[in-house]
Amino acid sequence: MARPRPNKKRESTPPAIRQVLPIELQVGDRIADETGEWEVTVRPYTSPGGKNVHARVRRMDQPATAEERTWGAHERINVRRA
């Protein structure tokens, strides 16, 4: 008779950090830089010609602080997906 398999406890791992193009950002993505951790609040959009990407972000520790970030469309950004 076969023995029952032991139950495996799943460890909660933090979300992986990925490098994405700015236009691939999604609402809820988190970006960390030298000024702190930011969360994307509005879907990114490109400027005419598609050379720059703009996204509205807010600070995680101060939700009232929001700003618009701009990246070159070809740049890669380190993102933590929620």
N, C-alpha and C. Protein backbone atom coordinates (compact mmCIF):
# COMPACT_ATOMS: atom_id res chain seq x y z
N MET A 1 0.84 -1.16 0.00
CA MET A 1 0.00 0.00 0.00
C MET A 1 0.90 1.25 0.00
N ALA A 2 0.56 2.22 -0.80
CA ALA A 2 1.36 3.42 -0.94
C ALA A 2 1.12 4.36 0.24
N ARG A 3 2.19 4.99 0.64
CA ARG A 3 2.06 5.96 1.74
C ARG A 3 1.50 7.27 1.19
N PRO A 4 0.73 8.00 2.01
CA PRO A 4 0.23 9.29 1.55
C PRO A 4 1.38 10.28 1.42
N ARG A 5 1.23 11.17 0.46
CA ARG A 5 2.26 12.17 0.23
C ARG A 5 2.18 13.23 1.33
N PRO A 6 3.33 13.68 1.82
CA PRO A 6 3.30 14.73 2.84
C PRO A 6 2.83 16.05 2.23
N ASN A 7 2.13 16.84 3.02
CA ASN A 7 1.67 18.14 2.54
C ASN A 7 2.84 19.10 2.48
N LYS A 8 2.97 19.76 1.36
CA LYS A 8 4.03 20.74 1.20
C LYS A 8 3.50 22.10 1.57
N LYS A 9 4.22 22.80 2.40
CA LYS A 9 3.84 24.16 2.75
C LYS A 9 4.42 25.10 1.70
N ARG A 10 3.55 25.89 1.14
CA ARG A 10 4.01 26.85 0.14
C ARG A 10 4.50 28.10 0.83
N GLU A 11 5.69 28.48 0.49
CA GLU A 11 6.25 29.71 1.04
C GLU A 11 5.79 30.88 0.21
N SER A 12 5.39 31.94 0.88
CA SER A 12 5.00 33.13 0.12
C SER A 12 6.26 33.88 -0.28
N THR A 13 6.53 33.88 -1.55
CA THR A 13 7.71 34.56 -2.06
C THR A 13 7.32 35.96 -2.50
N PRO A 14 8.20 36.91 -2.30
CA PRO A 14 7.89 38.27 -2.76
C PRO A 14 7.82 38.30 -4.28
N PRO A 15 7.05 39.22 -4.84
CA PRO A 15 6.95 39.30 -6.30
C PRO A 15 8.33 39.53 -6.91
N ALA A 16 8.56 38.89 -8.02
CA ALA A 16 9.85 39.01 -8.69
C ALA A 16 10.00 40.37 -9.35
N ILE A 17 11.22 40.83 -9.41
CA ILE A 17 11.51 42.09 -10.09
C ILE A 17 11.82 41.76 -11.54
N ARG A 18 11.14 42.46 -12.45
CA ARG A 18 11.32 42.23 -13.88
C ARG A 18 11.73 43.52 -14.55
N GLN A 19 12.35 43.40 -15.68
CA GLN A 19 12.68 44.57 -16.50
C GLN A 19 11.69 44.61 -17.66
N VAL A 20 10.97 45.72 -17.77
CA VAL A 20 9.98 45.87 -18.83
C VAL A 20 10.18 47.21 -19.52
N LEU A 21 9.62 47.32 -20.71
CA LEU A 21 9.59 48.60 -21.40
C LEU A 21 8.53 49.46 -20.74
N PRO A 22 8.67 50.78 -20.75
CA PRO A 22 7.70 51.64 -20.07
C PRO A 22 6.26 51.47 -20.56
N ILE A 23 6.06 51.18 -21.83
CA ILE A 23 4.71 51.04 -22.36
C ILE A 23 4.05 49.76 -21.83
N GLU A 24 4.84 48.82 -21.30
CA GLU A 24 4.30 47.58 -20.75
C GLU A 24 3.92 47.71 -19.28
N LEU A 25 4.07 48.89 -18.70
CA LEU A 25 3.68 49.09 -17.31
C LEU A 25 2.18 48.89 -17.16
N GLN A 26 1.77 48.37 -16.00
CA GLN A 26 0.36 48.16 -15.70
C GLN A 26 0.01 48.89 -14.42
N VAL A 27 -1.26 49.23 -14.27
CA VAL A 27 -1.71 49.88 -13.04
C VAL A 27 -1.45 48.92 -11.88
N GLY A 28 -0.81 49.43 -10.85
CA GLY A 28 -0.47 48.61 -9.69
C GLY A 28 0.98 48.18 -9.65
N ASP A 29 1.70 48.32 -10.76
CA ASP A 29 3.13 47.99 -10.76
C ASP A 29 3.87 48.92 -9.82
N ARG A 30 4.93 48.42 -9.21
CA ARG A 30 5.72 49.23 -8.29
C ARG A 30 7.12 49.43 -8.85
N ILE A 31 7.57 50.67 -8.76
CA ILE A 31 8.87 51.06 -9.27
C ILE A 31 9.66 51.63 -8.11
N ALA A 32 10.87 51.14 -7.89
CA ALA A 32 11.72 51.68 -6.82
C ALA A 32 12.90 52.40 -7.45
N ASP A 33 13.17 53.59 -6.93
CA ASP A 33 14.35 54.34 -7.35
C ASP A 33 14.95 55.03 -6.14
N GLU A 34 15.87 55.96 -6.37
CA GLU A 34 16.57 56.60 -5.27
C GLU A 34 15.67 57.48 -4.41
N THR A 35 14.50 57.87 -4.93
CA THR A 35 13.60 58.74 -4.17
C THR A 35 12.55 57.95 -3.38
N GLY A 36 12.46 56.66 -3.58
CA GLY A 36 11.50 55.84 -2.84
C GLY A 36 10.80 54.85 -3.75
N GLU A 37 9.72 54.25 -3.23
CA GLU A 37 8.95 53.28 -3.99
C GLU A 37 7.68 53.94 -4.50
N TRP A 38 7.38 53.74 -5.78
CA TRP A 38 6.27 54.38 -6.45
C TRP A 38 5.34 53.33 -7.03
N GLU A 39 4.06 53.66 -7.13
CA GLU A 39 3.06 52.76 -7.71
C GLU A 39 2.42 53.45 -8.91
N VAL A 40 2.28 52.71 -10.01
CA VAL A 40 1.66 53.25 -11.22
C VAL A 40 0.15 53.33 -10.98
N THR A 41 -0.44 54.50 -11.19
CA THR A 41 -1.87 54.69 -10.94
C THR A 41 -2.69 54.87 -12.22
N VAL A 42 -2.04 55.25 -13.31
CA VAL A 42 -2.74 55.46 -14.58
C VAL A 42 -1.97 54.74 -15.67
N ARG A 43 -2.70 54.15 -16.61
CA ARG A 43 -2.08 53.42 -17.72
C ARG A 43 -1.15 54.35 -18.48
N PRO A 44 0.05 53.87 -18.83
CA PRO A 44 1.00 54.74 -19.54
C PRO A 44 0.54 55.07 -20.96
N TYR A 45 1.01 56.21 -21.44
CA TYR A 45 0.69 56.63 -22.79
C TYR A 45 1.94 57.21 -23.42
N THR A 46 1.97 57.24 -24.75
CA THR A 46 3.15 57.75 -25.45
C THR A 46 2.88 59.15 -25.96
N SER A 47 3.96 59.88 -26.14
CA SER A 47 3.86 61.20 -26.75
C SER A 47 3.74 61.02 -28.26
N PRO A 48 3.32 62.06 -28.97
CA PRO A 48 3.26 61.94 -30.43
C PRO A 48 4.63 61.53 -30.98
N GLY A 49 4.62 60.57 -31.82
CA GLY A 49 5.86 60.04 -32.37
C GLY A 49 6.33 58.80 -31.62
N GLY A 50 5.81 58.56 -30.44
CA GLY A 50 6.11 57.35 -29.69
C GLY A 50 7.50 57.26 -29.09
N LYS A 51 8.21 58.39 -28.97
CA LYS A 51 9.58 58.34 -28.44
C LYS A 51 9.64 58.38 -26.93
N ASN A 52 8.62 58.96 -26.28
CA ASN A 52 8.57 59.07 -24.83
C ASN A 52 7.30 58.42 -24.30
N VAL A 53 7.41 57.85 -23.09
CA VAL A 53 6.27 57.23 -22.44
C VAL A 53 6.04 57.95 -21.12
N HIS A 54 4.79 58.29 -20.84
CA HIS A 54 4.42 59.00 -19.62
C HIS A 54 3.51 58.11 -18.79
N ALA A 55 3.68 58.14 -17.47
CA ALA A 55 2.79 57.41 -16.57
C ALA A 55 2.64 58.21 -15.28
N ARG A 56 1.47 58.18 -14.71
CA ARG A 56 1.21 58.86 -13.44
C ARG A 56 1.53 57.87 -12.33
N VAL A 57 2.33 58.29 -11.36
CA VAL A 57 2.73 57.43 -10.25
C VAL A 57 2.51 58.15 -8.92
N ARG A 58 2.40 57.38 -7.85
CA ARG A 58 2.28 57.96 -6.51
C ARG A 58 3.20 57.22 -5.56
N ARG A 59 3.63 57.91 -4.51
CA ARG A 59 4.53 57.30 -3.52
C ARG A 59 3.75 56.32 -2.68
N MET A 60 4.38 55.22 -2.33
CA MET A 60 3.73 54.21 -1.51
C MET A 60 3.58 54.68 -0.07
N ASP A 61 4.56 55.39 0.46
CA ASP A 61 4.49 55.83 1.85
C ASP A 61 3.72 57.14 2.02
N GLN A 62 3.53 57.89 0.94
CA GLN A 62 2.77 59.15 0.97
C GLN A 62 1.82 59.17 -0.23
N PRO A 63 0.65 58.54 -0.11
CA PRO A 63 -0.26 58.44 -1.26
C PRO A 63 -0.70 59.79 -1.83
N ALA A 64 -0.64 60.85 -1.03
CA ALA A 64 -1.04 62.16 -1.54
C ALA A 64 -0.01 62.73 -2.52
N THR A 65 1.20 62.19 -2.51
CA THR A 65 2.26 62.67 -3.39
C THR A 65 2.19 61.90 -4.71
N ALA A 66 1.81 62.60 -5.76
CA ALA A 66 1.71 61.98 -7.08
C ALA A 66 2.45 62.86 -8.09
N GLU A 67 2.99 62.22 -9.09
CA GLU A 67 3.65 62.96 -10.17
C GLU A 67 3.61 62.15 -11.44
N GLU A 68 3.98 62.80 -12.52
CA GLU A 68 4.04 62.13 -13.80
C GLU A 68 5.50 61.85 -14.13
N ARG A 69 5.79 60.62 -14.47
CA ARG A 69 7.15 60.22 -14.84
C ARG A 69 7.22 60.04 -16.35
N THR A 70 8.38 60.34 -16.89
CA THR A 70 8.61 60.21 -18.33
C THR A 70 9.87 59.38 -18.55
N TRP A 71 9.78 58.42 -19.47
CA TRP A 71 10.91 57.59 -19.84
C TRP A 71 11.02 57.56 -21.36
N GLY A 72 12.21 57.29 -21.84
CA GLY A 72 12.37 57.02 -23.26
C GLY A 72 11.71 55.69 -23.56
N ALA A 73 11.06 55.57 -24.71
CA ALA A 73 10.31 54.36 -25.05
C ALA A 73 11.20 53.13 -25.13
N HIS A 74 12.50 53.31 -25.33
CA HIS A 74 13.42 52.19 -25.49
C HIS A 74 14.05 51.75 -24.17
N GLU A 75 13.88 52.53 -23.09
CA GLU A 75 14.52 52.23 -21.80
C GLU A 75 13.83 51.05 -21.12
N ARG A 76 14.59 50.30 -20.35
CA ARG A 76 14.04 49.22 -19.53
C ARG A 76 13.90 49.72 -18.10
N ILE A 77 12.81 49.31 -17.43
CA ILE A 77 12.53 49.74 -16.07
C ILE A 77 12.41 48.51 -15.19
N ASN A 78 12.99 48.56 -13.97
CA ASN A 78 12.83 47.49 -13.00
C ASN A 78 11.48 47.65 -12.33
N VAL A 79 10.63 46.61 -12.42
CA VAL A 79 9.26 46.68 -11.93
C VAL A 79 8.98 45.47 -11.05
N ARG A 80 8.24 45.71 -9.97
CA ARG A 80 7.75 44.61 -9.13
C ARG A 80 6.25 44.52 -9.34
N ARG A 81 5.80 43.40 -9.90
CA ARG A 81 4.37 43.21 -10.17
C ARG A 81 3.66 42.74 -8.92
N ALA A 82 2.50 43.31 -8.68
CA ALA A 82 1.71 42.93 -7.49
C ALA A 82 0.92 41.68 -7.74
